C-alpha atoms as a PDB file:
ATOM      1  CA  UNK A   1     106.275 137.124 117.958  1.00  0.00           C
ATOM      2  CA  UNK A   2     103.070 135.150 117.433  1.00  0.00           C
ATOM      3  CA  UNK A   3     103.419 131.381 117.434  1.00  0.00           C
ATOM      4  CA  UNK A   4     101.064 128.451 117.660  1.00  0.00           C
ATOM      5  CA  UNK A   5     102.218 126.165 120.482  1.00  0.00           C
ATOM      6  CA  UNK A   6     101.153 122.570 121.089  1.00  0.00           C
ATOM      7  CA  UNK A   7     101.156 122.182 124.882  1.00  0.00           C
ATOM      8  CA  UNK A   8      99.457 118.785 125.092  1.00  0.00           C
ATOM      9  CA  UNK A   9      98.271 116.079 122.736  1.00  0.00           C
ATOM     10  CA  UNK A  10      94.721 116.103 121.452  1.00  0.00           C
ATOM     11  CA  UNK A  11      92.438 117.195 118.626  1.00  0.00           C
ATOM     12  CA  UNK A  12      93.381 120.727 117.485  1.00  0.00           C
ATOM     13  CA  UNK A  13      90.074 121.118 115.639  1.00  0.00           C
ATOM     14  CA  UNK A  14      88.042 122.188 118.662  1.00  0.00           C
ATOM     15  CA  UNK A  15      87.698 125.608 120.297  1.00  0.00           C
ATOM     16  CA  UNK A  16      90.975 127.307 121.185  1.00  0.00           C
ATOM     17  CA  UNK A  17      90.238 127.487 124.907  1.00  0.00           C
ATOM     18  CA  UNK A  18      91.772 126.034 128.083  1.00  0.00           C
ATOM     19  CA  UNK A  19      90.970 122.509 126.848  1.00  0.00           C
ATOM     20  CA  UNK A  20      92.631 122.909 123.467  1.00  0.00           C
ATOM     21  CA  UNK A  21      95.991 121.218 122.806  1.00  0.00           C
ATOM     22  CA  UNK A  22      97.095 124.325 120.868  1.00  0.00           C
ATOM     23  CA  UNK A  23      97.416 127.879 122.157  1.00  0.00           C
ATOM     24  CA  UNK A  24      98.346 131.108 120.426  1.00  0.00           C
ATOM     25  CA  UNK A  25     101.322 132.725 122.131  1.00  0.00           C
ATOM     26  CA  UNK A  26     101.786 136.403 121.285  1.00  0.00           C
ATOM     27  CA  UNK A  27     105.076 136.763 123.140  1.00  0.00           C
ATOM     28  CA  UNK A  28     106.975 133.708 121.910  1.00  0.00           C
ATOM     29  CA  UNK A  29     110.742 134.394 121.657  1.00  0.00           C
ATOM     30  CA  UNK A  30     111.956 135.372 118.186  1.00  0.00           C
ATOM     31  CA  UNK A  31     114.540 132.740 117.128  1.00  0.00           C
ATOM     32  CA  UNK A  32     118.111 133.984 116.866  1.00  0.00           C
ATOM     33  CA  UNK A  33     120.636 133.078 114.192  1.00  0.00           C
ATOM     34  CA  UNK A  34     122.356 129.938 115.455  1.00  0.00           C
ATOM     35  CA  UNK A  35     125.276 129.700 113.007  1.00  0.00           C
ATOM     36  CA  UNK A  36     127.274 131.852 110.611  1.00  0.00           C
ATOM     37  CA  UNK A  37     125.269 130.479 107.662  1.00  0.00           C
ATOM     38  CA  UNK A  38     121.858 130.763 109.327  1.00  0.00           C
ATOM     39  CA  UNK A  39     119.012 132.762 107.793  1.00  0.00           C
ATOM     40  CA  UNK A  40     115.964 134.086 109.635  1.00  0.00           C
ATOM     41  CA  UNK A  41     112.779 134.178 107.590  1.00  0.00           C
ATOM     42  CA  UNK A  42     109.702 136.248 108.350  1.00  0.00           C
ATOM     43  CA  UNK A  43     107.003 133.727 107.532  1.00  0.00           C
ATOM     44  CA  UNK A  44     104.356 134.826 105.061  1.00  0.00           C
ATOM     45  CA  UNK A  45     102.402 131.568 104.985  1.00  0.00           C
ATOM     46  CA  UNK A  46     102.613 127.992 106.187  1.00  0.00           C
ATOM     47  CA  UNK A  47     100.843 124.920 104.923  1.00  0.00           C
ATOM     48  CA  UNK A  48      98.700 122.451 106.852  1.00  0.00           C
ATOM     49  CA  UNK A  49      99.349 118.812 106.074  1.00  0.00           C
ATOM     50  CA  UNK A  50      97.562 115.792 107.480  1.00  0.00           C
ATOM     51  CA  UNK A  51     100.854 114.871 109.168  1.00  0.00           C
ATOM     52  CA  UNK A  52     100.669 118.097 111.219  1.00  0.00           C
ATOM     53  CA  UNK A  53      97.220 117.098 112.451  1.00  0.00           C
ATOM     54  CA  UNK A  54      98.399 113.576 113.342  1.00  0.00           C
ATOM     55  CA  UNK A  55     101.444 114.959 115.171  1.00  0.00           C
ATOM     56  CA  UNK A  56      99.296 117.079 117.487  1.00  0.00           C
ATOM     57  CA  UNK A  57      97.060 114.053 118.067  1.00  0.00           C
ATOM     58  CA  UNK A  58     100.188 112.105 119.017  1.00  0.00           C
ATOM     59  CA  UNK A  59      99.594 109.584 116.221  1.00  0.00           C
ATOM     60  CA  UNK A  60     102.440 110.487 113.859  1.00  0.00           C
ATOM     61  CA  UNK A  61     105.648 108.458 113.587  1.00  0.00           C
ATOM     62  CA  UNK A  62     107.675 111.421 114.862  1.00  0.00           C
ATOM     63  CA  UNK A  63     106.698 112.504 118.391  1.00  0.00           C
ATOM     64  CA  UNK A  64     108.497 115.681 119.492  1.00  0.00           C
ATOM     65  CA  UNK A  65     108.668 116.504 123.214  1.00  0.00           C
ATOM     66  CA  UNK A  66     106.068 118.937 124.524  1.00  0.00           C
ATOM     67  CA  UNK A  67     105.666 121.837 124.174  1.00  0.00           C
ATOM     68  CA  UNK A  68     106.477 122.410 120.506  1.00  0.00           C
ATOM     69  CA  UNK A  69     105.593 124.711 117.627  1.00  0.00           C
ATOM     70  CA  UNK A  70     104.191 122.542 114.827  1.00  0.00           C
ATOM     71  CA  UNK A  71     104.481 123.188 111.134  1.00  0.00           C
ATOM     72  CA  UNK A  72     106.476 122.080 108.125  1.00  0.00           C
ATOM     73  CA  UNK A  73     106.477 123.857 104.741  1.00  0.00           C
ATOM     74  CA  UNK A  74     106.471 127.638 104.602  1.00  0.00           C
ATOM     75  CA  UNK A  75     107.402 130.710 102.584  1.00  0.00           C
ATOM     76  CA  UNK A  76     108.469 134.212 103.511  1.00  0.00           C
ATOM     77  CA  UNK A  77     110.949 137.051 103.296  1.00  0.00           C
ATOM     78  CA  UNK A  78     114.550 136.879 104.491  1.00  0.00           C
ATOM     79  CA  UNK A  79     114.736 138.991 107.653  1.00  0.00           C
ATOM     80  CA  UNK A  80     118.348 138.478 108.794  1.00  0.00           C
ATOM     81  CA  UNK A  81     121.427 136.572 107.630  1.00  0.00           C
ATOM     82  CA  UNK A  82     124.571 135.214 109.297  1.00  0.00           C
ATOM     83  CA  UNK A  83     127.986 136.669 108.384  1.00  0.00           C
ATOM     84  CA  UNK A  84     128.876 133.781 106.054  1.00  0.00           C
ATOM     85  CA  UNK A  85     125.600 133.624 104.147  1.00  0.00           C
ATOM     86  CA  UNK A  86     126.440 133.973 100.453  1.00  0.00           C
ATOM     87  CA  UNK A  87     123.257 132.844  98.699  1.00  0.00           C
ATOM     88  CA  UNK A  88     120.585 135.130 100.156  1.00  0.00           C
ATOM     89  CA  UNK A  89     120.177 138.706 101.320  1.00  0.00           C
ATOM     90  CA  UNK A  90     117.584 140.503 103.411  1.00  0.00           C
ATOM     91  CA  UNK A  91     114.394 140.929 101.394  1.00  0.00           C
ATOM     92  CA  UNK A  92     114.727 137.785  99.262  1.00  0.00           C
ATOM     93  CA  UNK A  93     111.624 135.624  98.744  1.00  0.00           C
ATOM     94  CA  UNK A  94     112.183 132.040  99.859  1.00  0.00           C
ATOM     95  CA  UNK A  95     110.403 128.808 100.712  1.00  0.00           C
ATOM     96  CA  UNK A  96     111.413 125.656 102.539  1.00  0.00           C
ATOM     97  CA  UNK A  97     110.239 123.002 104.989  1.00  0.00           C
ATOM     98  CA  UNK A  98     111.158 122.082 108.541  1.00  0.00           C
ATOM     99  CA  UNK A  99     110.498 119.200 110.884  1.00  0.00           C
ATOM    100  CA  UNK A 100     108.834 121.696 113.278  1.00  0.00           C
ATOM    101  CA  UNK A 101     108.350 125.399 113.817  1.00  0.00           C
ATOM    102  CA  UNK A 102     106.695 127.019 110.795  1.00  0.00           C
ATOM    103  CA  UNK A 103     103.485 127.997 112.633  1.00  0.00           C
ATOM    104  CA  UNK A 104     105.257 131.130 113.818  1.00  0.00           C
ATOM    105  CA  UNK A 105     106.058 134.593 112.497  1.00  0.00           C
ATOM    106  CA  UNK A 106     109.784 133.835 112.257  1.00  0.00           C
ATOM    107  CA  UNK A 107     111.819 130.702 111.610  1.00  0.00           C
ATOM    108  CA  UNK A 108     115.563 130.106 111.271  1.00  0.00           C
ATOM    109  CA  UNK A 109     117.122 127.754 108.717  1.00  0.00           C
ATOM    110  CA  UNK A 110     120.540 127.187 107.224  1.00  0.00           C
ATOM    111  CA  UNK A 111     120.998 128.824 103.827  1.00  0.00           C
ATOM    112  CA  UNK A 112     121.417 125.363 102.256  1.00  0.00           C
ATOM    113  CA  UNK A 113     117.840 124.483 103.242  1.00  0.00           C
ATOM    114  CA  UNK A 114     116.177 127.455 101.541  1.00  0.00           C
ATOM    115  CA  UNK A 115     114.967 127.803  97.968  1.00  0.00           C
ATOM    116  CA  UNK A 116     114.434 131.052  96.122  1.00  0.00           C
ATOM    117  CA  UNK A 117     110.845 131.638  95.008  1.00  0.00           C
ATOM    118  CA  UNK A 118     110.815 132.777  91.354  1.00  0.00           C
ATOM    119  CA  UNK A 119     109.484 136.238  90.581  1.00  0.00           C
ATOM    120  CA  UNK A 120     105.878 136.042  89.511  1.00  0.00           C
ATOM    121  CA  UNK A 121     105.118 133.079  91.769  1.00  0.00           C
ATOM    122  CA  UNK A 122     102.734 133.779  94.644  1.00  0.00           C
ATOM    123  CA  UNK A 123     104.372 133.424  98.076  1.00  0.00           C
ATOM    124  CA  UNK A 124     101.333 131.844  99.710  1.00  0.00           C
ATOM    125  CA  UNK A 125     101.151 129.269  96.933  1.00  0.00           C
ATOM    126  CA  UNK A 126     104.891 128.601  97.245  1.00  0.00           C
ATOM    127  CA  UNK A 127     104.340 127.685 100.905  1.00  0.00           C
ATOM    128  CA  UNK A 128     101.963 124.933  99.772  1.00  0.00           C
ATOM    129  CA  UNK A 129     104.500 123.354  97.430  1.00  0.00           C
ATOM    130  CA  UNK A 130     107.227 121.471  99.345  1.00  0.00           C
ATOM    131  CA  UNK A 131     105.513 118.669 101.266  1.00  0.00           C
ATOM    132  CA  UNK A 132     102.458 117.826  99.129  1.00  0.00           C
ATOM    133  CA  UNK A 133     103.938 118.387  95.688  1.00  0.00           C
ATOM    134  CA  UNK A 134     107.358 117.220  96.833  1.00  0.00           C
ATOM    135  CA  UNK A 135     105.839 113.934  97.993  1.00  0.00           C
ATOM    136  CA  UNK A 136     104.064 113.346  94.695  1.00  0.00           C
ATOM    137  CA  UNK A 137     107.052 114.386  92.599  1.00  0.00           C
ATOM    138  CA  UNK A 138     109.397 111.965  94.362  1.00  0.00           C
ATOM    139  CA  UNK A 139     106.762 109.219  94.319  1.00  0.00           C
ATOM    140  CA  UNK A 140     105.665 109.481  90.698  1.00  0.00           C
ATOM    141  CA  UNK A 141     108.681 110.839  88.859  1.00  0.00           C
ATOM    142  CA  UNK A 142     111.559 109.211  90.723  1.00  0.00           C
ATOM    143  CA  UNK A 143     110.158 106.102  92.382  1.00  0.00           C
ATOM    144  CA  UNK A 144     107.465 104.925  89.948  1.00  0.00           C
ATOM    145  CA  UNK A 145     109.043 106.623  86.911  1.00  0.00           C
ATOM    146  CA  UNK A 146     105.583 107.331  85.544  1.00  0.00           C
ATOM    147  CA  UNK A 147     105.400 107.588  81.740  1.00  0.00           C
ATOM    148  CA  UNK A 148     102.847 108.856  79.235  1.00  0.00           C
ATOM    149  CA  UNK A 149     101.852 105.314  78.279  1.00  0.00           C
ATOM    150  CA  UNK A 150     100.737 104.389  81.800  1.00  0.00           C
ATOM    151  CA  UNK A 151      97.503 104.528  83.788  1.00  0.00           C
ATOM    152  CA  UNK A 152      97.669 106.277  87.173  1.00  0.00           C
ATOM    153  CA  UNK A 153      94.974 105.753  89.815  1.00  0.00           C
ATOM    154  CA  UNK A 154      94.907 108.372  92.602  1.00  0.00           C
ATOM    155  CA  UNK A 155      92.911 107.740  95.780  1.00  0.00           C
ATOM    156  CA  UNK A 156      91.877 110.740  97.892  1.00  0.00           C
ATOM    157  CA  UNK A 157      92.417 112.819  94.777  1.00  0.00           C
ATOM    158  CA  UNK A 158      90.913 116.095  96.055  1.00  0.00           C
ATOM    159  CA  UNK A 159      93.152 116.359  99.128  1.00  0.00           C
ATOM    160  CA  UNK A 160      96.497 118.115  99.333  1.00  0.00           C
ATOM    161  CA  UNK A 161      98.772 115.270  98.223  1.00  0.00           C
ATOM    162  CA  UNK A 162      96.093 113.657  96.063  1.00  0.00           C
ATOM    163  CA  UNK A 163      95.529 116.772  93.994  1.00  0.00           C
ATOM    164  CA  UNK A 164      99.283 117.250  93.594  1.00  0.00           C
ATOM    165  CA  UNK A 165      99.538 113.661  92.301  1.00  0.00           C
ATOM    166  CA  UNK A 166      96.766 114.320  89.790  1.00  0.00           C
ATOM    167  CA  UNK A 167      98.560 117.406  88.467  1.00  0.00           C
ATOM    168  CA  UNK A 168     101.984 115.782  88.310  1.00  0.00           C
ATOM    169  CA  UNK A 169     100.447 112.716  86.642  1.00  0.00           C
ATOM    170  CA  UNK A 170      98.947 114.951  83.966  1.00  0.00           C
ATOM    171  CA  UNK A 171     102.258 116.800  83.589  1.00  0.00           C
ATOM    172  CA  UNK A 172     103.910 113.421  82.931  1.00  0.00           C
ATOM    173  CA  UNK A 173     101.302 112.689  80.254  1.00  0.00           C
ATOM    174  CA  UNK A 174      99.776 109.698  82.056  1.00  0.00           C
ATOM    175  CA  UNK A 175      96.141 108.613  81.838  1.00  0.00           C
ATOM    176  CA  UNK A 176      94.834 109.779  85.216  1.00  0.00           C
ATOM    177  CA  UNK A 177      91.927 108.228  87.118  1.00  0.00           C
ATOM    178  CA  UNK A 178      90.901 110.135  90.261  1.00  0.00           C
ATOM    179  CA  UNK A 179      88.766 108.934  93.175  1.00  0.00           C
ATOM    180  CA  UNK A 180      87.116 111.515  95.456  1.00  0.00           C
ATOM    181  CA  UNK A 181      83.929 111.991  97.487  1.00  0.00           C
ATOM    182  CA  UNK A 182      81.199 114.508  96.730  1.00  0.00           C
ATOM    183  CA  UNK A 183      79.830 116.550  93.841  1.00  0.00           C
ATOM    184  CA  UNK A 184      82.036 119.606  94.402  1.00  0.00           C
ATOM    185  CA  UNK A 185      85.288 117.652  94.520  1.00  0.00           C
ATOM    186  CA  UNK A 186      84.386 115.549  91.512  1.00  0.00           C
ATOM    187  CA  UNK A 187      83.421 118.628  89.520  1.00  0.00           C
ATOM    188  CA  UNK A 188      86.691 120.348  90.353  1.00  0.00           C
ATOM    189  CA  UNK A 189      88.761 117.331  89.303  1.00  0.00           C
ATOM    190  CA  UNK A 190      86.887 117.128  86.020  1.00  0.00           C
ATOM    191  CA  UNK A 191      87.685 120.800  85.400  1.00  0.00           C
ATOM    192  CA  UNK A 192      91.384 119.902  85.517  1.00  0.00           C
ATOM    193  CA  UNK A 193      91.006 117.566  82.567  1.00  0.00           C
ATOM    194  CA  UNK A 194      91.328 114.330  84.558  1.00  0.00           C
ATOM    195  CA  UNK A 195      90.623 111.385  82.247  1.00  0.00           C
ATOM    196  CA  UNK A 196      88.141 109.697  84.601  1.00  0.00           C
ATOM    197  CA  UNK A 197      86.739 110.747  87.989  1.00  0.00           C
ATOM    198  CA  UNK A 198      84.870 108.438  90.363  1.00  0.00           C
ATOM    199  CA  UNK A 199      82.599 109.751  93.124  1.00  0.00           C
ATOM    200  CA  UNK A 200      83.155 107.118  95.799  1.00  0.00           C
ATOM    201  CA  UNK A 201      80.126 108.383  97.766  1.00  0.00           C
ATOM    202  CA  UNK A 202      77.786 107.326  94.956  1.00  0.00           C
ATOM    203  CA  UNK A 203      79.580 104.879  92.667  1.00  0.00           C
ATOM    204  CA  UNK A 204      81.230 101.495  92.963  1.00  0.00           C
ATOM    205  CA  UNK A 205      84.861 102.440  92.393  1.00  0.00           C
ATOM    206  CA  UNK A 206      85.915  99.070  90.987  1.00  0.00           C
ATOM    207  CA  UNK A 207      83.076  98.871  88.465  1.00  0.00           C
ATOM    208  CA  UNK A 208      83.411 102.494  87.375  1.00  0.00           C
ATOM    209  CA  UNK A 209      87.146 102.164  86.743  1.00  0.00           C
ATOM    210  CA  UNK A 210      86.733  98.807  84.982  1.00  0.00           C
ATOM    211  CA  UNK A 211      84.120 100.315  82.662  1.00  0.00           C
ATOM    212  CA  UNK A 212      86.442 103.210  81.850  1.00  0.00           C
ATOM    213  CA  UNK A 213      89.393 100.910  81.191  1.00  0.00           C
ATOM    214  CA  UNK A 214      87.275  98.691  78.948  1.00  0.00           C
ATOM    215  CA  UNK A 215      85.983 101.680  76.974  1.00  0.00           C
ATOM    216  CA  UNK A 216      89.551 102.893  76.424  1.00  0.00           C
ATOM    217  CA  UNK A 217      90.809  99.359  75.652  1.00  0.00           C
ATOM    218  CA  UNK A 218      93.234  99.478  78.578  1.00  0.00           C
ATOM    219  CA  UNK A 219      94.281  96.392  80.521  1.00  0.00           C
ATOM    220  CA  UNK A 220      94.452  97.936  83.988  1.00  0.00           C
ATOM    221  CA  UNK A 221      96.119 100.391  86.347  1.00  0.00           C
ATOM    222  CA  UNK A 222      99.915 100.659  86.179  1.00  0.00           C
ATOM    223  CA  UNK A 223     100.531 102.934  89.186  1.00  0.00           C
ATOM    224  CA  UNK A 224      98.408 103.235  92.341  1.00  0.00           C
ATOM    225  CA  UNK A 225      98.941 106.401  94.403  1.00  0.00           C
ATOM    226  CA  UNK A 226      97.483 105.727  97.839  1.00  0.00           C
ATOM    227  CA  UNK A 227      97.353 108.308 100.656  1.00  0.00           C
ATOM    228  CA  UNK A 228      94.155 106.765 102.061  1.00  0.00           C
ATOM    229  CA  UNK A 229      94.603 103.101 103.041  1.00  0.00           C
ATOM    230  CA  UNK A 230      91.796 100.961 104.422  1.00  0.00           C
ATOM    231  CA  UNK A 231      89.001  99.600 102.232  1.00  0.00           C
ATOM    232  CA  UNK A 232      89.776 101.871  99.232  1.00  0.00           C
ATOM    233  CA  UNK A 233      93.202 100.247  98.943  1.00  0.00           C
ATOM    234  CA  UNK A 234      91.709  96.755  99.019  1.00  0.00           C
ATOM    235  CA  UNK A 235      89.276  97.680  96.239  1.00  0.00           C
ATOM    236  CA  UNK A 236      92.023  99.297  94.144  1.00  0.00           C
ATOM    237  CA  UNK A 237      94.165  96.150  94.214  1.00  0.00           C
ATOM    238  CA  UNK A 238      91.570  94.454  91.982  1.00  0.00           C
ATOM    239  CA  UNK A 239      92.327  96.991  89.245  1.00  0.00           C
ATOM    240  CA  UNK A 240      96.096  96.634  89.039  1.00  0.00           C
ATOM    241  CA  UNK A 241      97.974  95.358  86.015  1.00  0.00           C
ATOM    242  CA  UNK A 242     100.657  92.707  86.036  1.00  0.00           C
ATOM    243  CA  UNK A 243     103.858  94.551  86.963  1.00  0.00           C
ATOM    244  CA  UNK A 244     101.988  97.441  88.594  1.00  0.00           C
ATOM    245  CA  UNK A 245     103.528  99.744  91.180  1.00  0.00           C
ATOM    246  CA  UNK A 246     101.895 100.665  94.490  1.00  0.00           C
ATOM    247  CA  UNK A 247     102.895 103.923  96.166  1.00  0.00           C
ATOM    248  CA  UNK A 248     102.111 103.842  99.896  1.00  0.00           C
ATOM    249  CA  UNK A 249     101.790 107.523 100.844  1.00  0.00           C
ATOM    250  CA  UNK A 250      99.695 107.515 104.024  1.00  0.00           C
ATOM    251  CA  UNK A 251      96.616 106.300 105.836  1.00  0.00           C
ATOM    252  CA  UNK A 252      94.063 109.128 105.933  1.00  0.00           C
ATOM    253  CA  UNK A 253      91.305 106.561 106.475  1.00  0.00           C
ATOM    254  CA  UNK A 254      92.917 105.648 109.797  1.00  0.00           C
ATOM    255  CA  UNK A 255      93.293 102.028 108.706  1.00  0.00           C
ATOM    256  CA  UNK A 256      96.584 100.505 107.563  1.00  0.00           C
ATOM    257  CA  UNK A 257      95.842  98.153 104.653  1.00  0.00           C
ATOM    258  CA  UNK A 258      97.196  94.641 104.179  1.00  0.00           C
ATOM    259  CA  UNK A 259      98.644  93.943 100.735  1.00  0.00           C
ATOM    260  CA  UNK A 260      98.871  90.160 100.340  1.00  0.00           C
ATOM    261  CA  UNK A 261     102.455  89.137  99.540  1.00  0.00           C
ATOM    262  CA  UNK A 262     101.253  86.270  97.363  1.00  0.00           C
ATOM    263  CA  UNK A 263      99.408  88.758  95.132  1.00  0.00           C
ATOM    264  CA  UNK A 264     102.548  90.855  94.838  1.00  0.00           C
ATOM    265  CA  UNK A 265     104.521  87.714  93.911  1.00  0.00           C
ATOM    266  CA  UNK A 266     102.126  86.319  91.312  1.00  0.00           C
ATOM    267  CA  UNK A 267     101.431  89.694  89.682  1.00  0.00           C
ATOM    268  CA  UNK A 268     104.991  91.027  89.952  1.00  0.00           C
ATOM    269  CA  UNK A 269     103.875  94.144  91.832  1.00  0.00           C
ATOM    270  CA  UNK A 270     106.371  96.592  93.274  1.00  0.00           C
ATOM    271  CA  UNK A 271     105.395  98.244  96.568  1.00  0.00           C
ATOM    272  CA  UNK A 272     107.071 101.562  97.348  1.00  0.00           C
ATOM    273  CA  UNK A 273     106.877 102.938 100.864  1.00  0.00           C
ATOM    274  CA  UNK A 274     107.330 106.692 100.654  1.00  0.00           C
ATOM    275  CA  UNK A 275     108.080 108.743 103.756  1.00  0.00           C
ATOM    276  CA  UNK A 276     109.052 112.005 102.071  1.00  0.00           C
ATOM    277  CA  UNK A 277     110.446 113.665 105.194  1.00  0.00           C
ATOM    278  CA  UNK A 278     113.136 111.003 105.597  1.00  0.00           C
ATOM    279  CA  UNK A 279     114.744 112.117 102.336  1.00  0.00           C
ATOM    280  CA  UNK A 280     115.821 115.269 104.171  1.00  0.00           C
ATOM    281  CA  UNK A 281     117.968 113.057 106.417  1.00  0.00           C
ATOM    282  CA  UNK A 282     119.167 110.391 104.004  1.00  0.00           C
ATOM    283  CA  UNK A 283     119.255 112.192 100.620  1.00  0.00           C
ATOM    284  CA  UNK A 284     118.927 115.956 101.155  1.00  0.00           C
ATOM    285  CA  UNK A 285     120.515 116.836  97.825  1.00  0.00           C
ATOM    286  CA  UNK A 286     118.023 114.692  95.992  1.00  0.00           C
ATOM    287  CA  UNK A 287     115.157 116.453  97.766  1.00  0.00           C
ATOM    288  CA  UNK A 288     116.560 119.865  96.913  1.00  0.00           C
ATOM    289  CA  UNK A 289     116.783 118.955  93.204  1.00  0.00           C
ATOM    290  CA  UNK A 290     113.192 117.704  93.274  1.00  0.00           C
ATOM    291  CA  UNK A 291     111.893 120.938  94.801  1.00  0.00           C
ATOM    292  CA  UNK A 292     113.888 123.088  92.376  1.00  0.00           C
ATOM    293  CA  UNK A 293     112.270 121.253  89.488  1.00  0.00           C
ATOM    294  CA  UNK A 294     108.833 121.761  91.026  1.00  0.00           C
ATOM    295  CA  UNK A 295     109.448 125.488  91.436  1.00  0.00           C
ATOM    296  CA  UNK A 296     110.432 125.670  87.767  1.00  0.00           C
ATOM    297  CA  UNK A 297     107.236 123.809  86.844  1.00  0.00           C
ATOM    298  CA  UNK A 298     105.266 126.264  88.962  1.00  0.00           C
ATOM    299  CA  UNK A 299     106.969 129.209  87.252  1.00  0.00           C
ATOM    300  CA  UNK A 300     106.159 127.757  83.805  1.00  0.00           C
ATOM    301  CA  UNK A 301     102.560 127.006  84.729  1.00  0.00           C
ATOM    302  CA  UNK A 302     102.923 123.228  84.391  1.00  0.00           C
ATOM    303  CA  UNK A 303     101.432 122.884  87.882  1.00  0.00           C
ATOM    304  CA  UNK A 304      99.016 125.211  89.645  1.00  0.00           C
ATOM    305  CA  UNK A 305      98.739 125.309  93.421  1.00  0.00           C
ATOM    306  CA  UNK A 306      95.080 125.079  94.378  1.00  0.00           C
ATOM    307  CA  UNK A 307      94.376 126.599  97.790  1.00  0.00           C
ATOM    308  CA  UNK A 308      91.005 125.857  99.338  1.00  0.00           C
ATOM    309  CA  UNK A 309      91.124 128.161 102.383  1.00  0.00           C
ATOM    310  CA  UNK A 310      93.473 130.641 104.021  1.00  0.00           C
ATOM    311  CA  UNK A 311      93.209 131.322 107.757  1.00  0.00           C
ATOM    312  CA  UNK A 312      94.985 133.592 110.206  1.00  0.00           C
ATOM    313  CA  UNK A 313      97.013 131.913 112.954  1.00  0.00           C
ATOM    314  CA  UNK A 314      94.331 132.794 115.518  1.00  0.00           C
ATOM    315  CA  UNK A 315      91.939 130.632 113.494  1.00  0.00           C
ATOM    316  CA  UNK A 316      94.265 127.628 113.351  1.00  0.00           C
ATOM    317  CA  UNK A 317      91.604 125.398 114.896  1.00  0.00           C
ATOM    318  CA  UNK A 318      89.326 126.083 111.923  1.00  0.00           C
ATOM    319  CA  UNK A 319      92.155 125.193 109.571  1.00  0.00           C
ATOM    320  CA  UNK A 320      92.655 121.873 111.348  1.00  0.00           C
ATOM    321  CA  UNK A 321      88.890 121.290 111.159  1.00  0.00           C
ATOM    322  CA  UNK A 322      89.043 121.659 107.385  1.00  0.00           C
ATOM    323  CA  UNK A 323      91.807 119.032 107.276  1.00  0.00           C
ATOM    324  CA  UNK A 324      90.131 116.670 109.746  1.00  0.00           C
ATOM    325  CA  UNK A 325      86.678 116.847 108.182  1.00  0.00           C
ATOM    326  CA  UNK A 326      87.976 116.650 104.584  1.00  0.00           C
ATOM    327  CA  UNK A 327      86.349 119.938 103.640  1.00  0.00           C
ATOM    328  CA  UNK A 328      89.271 121.164 101.573  1.00  0.00           C
ATOM    329  CA  UNK A 329      89.906 120.820  97.877  1.00  0.00           C
ATOM    330  CA  UNK A 330      93.663 121.119  97.612  1.00  0.00           C
ATOM    331  CA  UNK A 331      95.585 122.958 100.329  1.00  0.00           C
ATOM    332  CA  UNK A 332      94.662 124.692 103.582  1.00  0.00           C
ATOM    333  CA  UNK A 333      96.982 127.519 104.610  1.00  0.00           C
ATOM    334  CA  UNK A 334      97.758 129.788 107.551  1.00  0.00           C
ATOM    335  CA  UNK A 335      98.908 133.251 106.517  1.00  0.00           C
ATOM    336  CA  UNK A 336     100.616 135.813 108.734  1.00  0.00           C
ATOM    337  CA  UNK A 337     100.114 139.577 108.340  1.00  0.00           C
ATOM    338  CA  UNK A 338      96.771 138.763 106.752  1.00  0.00           C
ATOM    339  CA  UNK A 339      93.790 140.021 108.717  1.00  0.00           C
ATOM    340  CA  UNK A 340      91.120 138.974 106.247  1.00  0.00           C
ATOM    341  CA  UNK A 341      88.596 136.272 107.067  1.00  0.00           C
ATOM    342  CA  UNK A 342      88.993 132.715 105.736  1.00  0.00           C
ATOM    343  CA  UNK A 343      88.457 132.714 101.997  1.00  0.00           C
ATOM    344  CA  UNK A 344      88.342 130.303  99.135  1.00  0.00           C
ATOM    345  CA  UNK A 345      90.756 130.627  96.236  1.00  0.00           C
ATOM    346  CA  UNK A 346      88.983 128.146  93.978  1.00  0.00           C
END
């Protein structure tokens, strides 16, 4: 089978030549069923997340031994089942996530780890759901308990997790303020009905948000969703209400911010660290319930998966470029059995 293999650490966004950390193997062994309840899935599509990029760079908190097949969330068709599999049959449409291995034509998972994709839902879009939307769902719905009376500020709002936070915030009825860079991203966010969008490449974020809050007679931001870190976090702290909640999602800026403990004390802030992948170890049932709810929201049209580009596995370096250079609005995907050139779905 075809599989993308990371043989050494480095930037996967360059040419796929002898210097690249990733290589396309066309004769990688097809994984065999490893238990009586195992299911083999023929992968239709797999999602790129910033964590995948960091892992190949060697900068992620989890560092698998080399060589490894990267990849996390995916969708596909059940190809084979173990003798004690009772939930799925060959031909079923499923999606899931893994710690590694989805950048390949086949992947094996236990039946308990798979979710059925509802009829009418696009399989490629379903592959984009688990990590990005799962992260935002756990963060906003279960950790922050976001309500319709609250103000949500989303940094990096046009990226994969940022855009999912915007959509879930709107689904919860919150007043959503989105921060992004560039005319195209700002225009797209406005088209989603976001209450206020700030172009951080042209505007002073703090002043723009303060003006909006004043015009709406709002005291401040109740929930900060932060996948960026660095200077944007520092600026956002000036906008937070007494009793606000800070959701630490990631550090796409490359800089880990410092949140002064005395500020948190005086203003009664709650700081939530959210490493979504660890729920699979510590609370797998909770994660499964979260993803089932998201799939039902997707089926009902409460959320829409926005895919910026779809690449073939042989063009994986271009996909990583789109992630690295922040060219995407929403999700970047790799699709198997799809020989078309990269295309936008916006």
